[in-house]
Amino acid sequence: MTINKNEFYNNFNNLGRSHNLLRFAWIVQRTSLNTIFIFLKP
């Protein structure tokens, strides 16, 4: 079973990119939730 090095590299890059997007979305969601809670506090 031979795997193309370029293909492997591209798949690895896509994996890293989607992971970064997920992390970014999670951080944005968390910070926005925190700011909402801060604004709701009396």
C-alpha atoms as a PDB file:
ATOM      1  CA  MET A   1       0.000   0.000   0.000  1.00  0.00           C
ATOM      2  CA  THR A   2       1.757   3.124  -1.233  1.00  0.00           C
ATOM      3  CA  ILE A   3       0.520   6.531  -0.137  1.00  0.00           C
ATOM      4  CA  ASN A   4       1.349   9.700  -2.014  1.00  0.00           C
ATOM      5  CA  LYS A   5       3.404  12.029   0.157  1.00  0.00           C
ATOM      6  CA  ASN A   6       1.700  15.125  -1.235  1.00  0.00           C
ATOM      7  CA  GLU A   7      -1.739  13.625  -0.684  1.00  0.00           C
ATOM      8  CA  PHE A   8      -0.856  12.763   2.903  1.00  0.00           C
ATOM      9  CA  TYR A   9       0.490  16.283   3.453  1.00  0.00           C
ATOM     10  CA  ASN A  10      -2.683  17.860   2.049  1.00  0.00           C
ATOM     11  CA  ASN A  11      -4.904  15.696   4.247  1.00  0.00           C
ATOM     12  CA  PHE A  12      -2.784  16.604   7.272  1.00  0.00           C
ATOM     13  CA  ASN A  13      -3.076  20.309   6.423  1.00  0.00           C
ATOM     14  CA  ASN A  14      -6.861  20.081   6.044  1.00  0.00           C
ATOM     15  CA  LEU A  15      -7.095  18.305   9.389  1.00  0.00           C
ATOM     16  CA  GLY A  16      -5.074  21.017  11.099  1.00  0.00           C
ATOM     17  CA  ARG A  17      -7.099  23.780   9.455  1.00  0.00           C
ATOM     18  CA  SER A  18     -10.469  22.341  10.503  1.00  0.00           C
ATOM     19  CA  HIS A  19      -9.132  21.792  14.027  1.00  0.00           C
ATOM     20  CA  ASN A  20      -8.031  25.434  14.214  1.00  0.00           C
ATOM     21  CA  LEU A  21     -11.447  26.563  12.962  1.00  0.00           C
ATOM     22  CA  LEU A  22     -13.185  24.450  15.599  1.00  0.00           C
ATOM     23  CA  ARG A  23     -10.932  25.829  18.330  1.00  0.00           C
ATOM     24  CA  PHE A  24     -11.474  29.385  17.094  1.00  0.00           C
ATOM     25  CA  ALA A  25     -15.260  28.920  17.027  1.00  0.00           C
ATOM     26  CA  TRP A  26     -15.185  27.429  20.529  1.00  0.00           C
ATOM     27  CA  ILE A  27     -13.117  30.330  21.898  1.00  0.00           C
ATOM     28  CA  VAL A  28     -15.393  32.912  20.250  1.00  0.00           C
ATOM     29  CA  GLN A  29     -18.474  31.166  21.631  1.00  0.00           C
ATOM     30  CA  ARG A  30     -16.999  31.051  25.129  1.00  0.00           C
ATOM     31  CA  THR A  31     -15.906  34.681  25.160  1.00  0.00           C
ATOM     32  CA  SER A  32     -19.247  35.894  23.791  1.00  0.00           C
ATOM     33  CA  LEU A  33     -21.079  33.873  26.453  1.00  0.00           C
ATOM     34  CA  ASN A  34     -18.850  35.377  29.139  1.00  0.00           C
ATOM     35  CA  THR A  35     -19.474  38.932  27.926  1.00  0.00           C
ATOM     36  CA  ILE A  36     -23.233  38.287  27.831  1.00  0.00           C
ATOM     37  CA  PHE A  37     -23.138  37.065  31.436  1.00  0.00           C
ATOM     38  CA  ILE A  38     -21.097  40.110  32.475  1.00  0.00           C
ATOM     39  CA  PHE A  39     -23.631  42.431  30.838  1.00  0.00           C
ATOM     40  CA  LEU A  40     -26.551  40.608  32.479  1.00  0.00           C
ATOM     41  CA  LYS A  41     -25.067  40.988  35.965  1.00  0.00           C
ATOM     42  CA  PRO A  42     -26.807  43.801  37.891  1.00  0.00           C
END
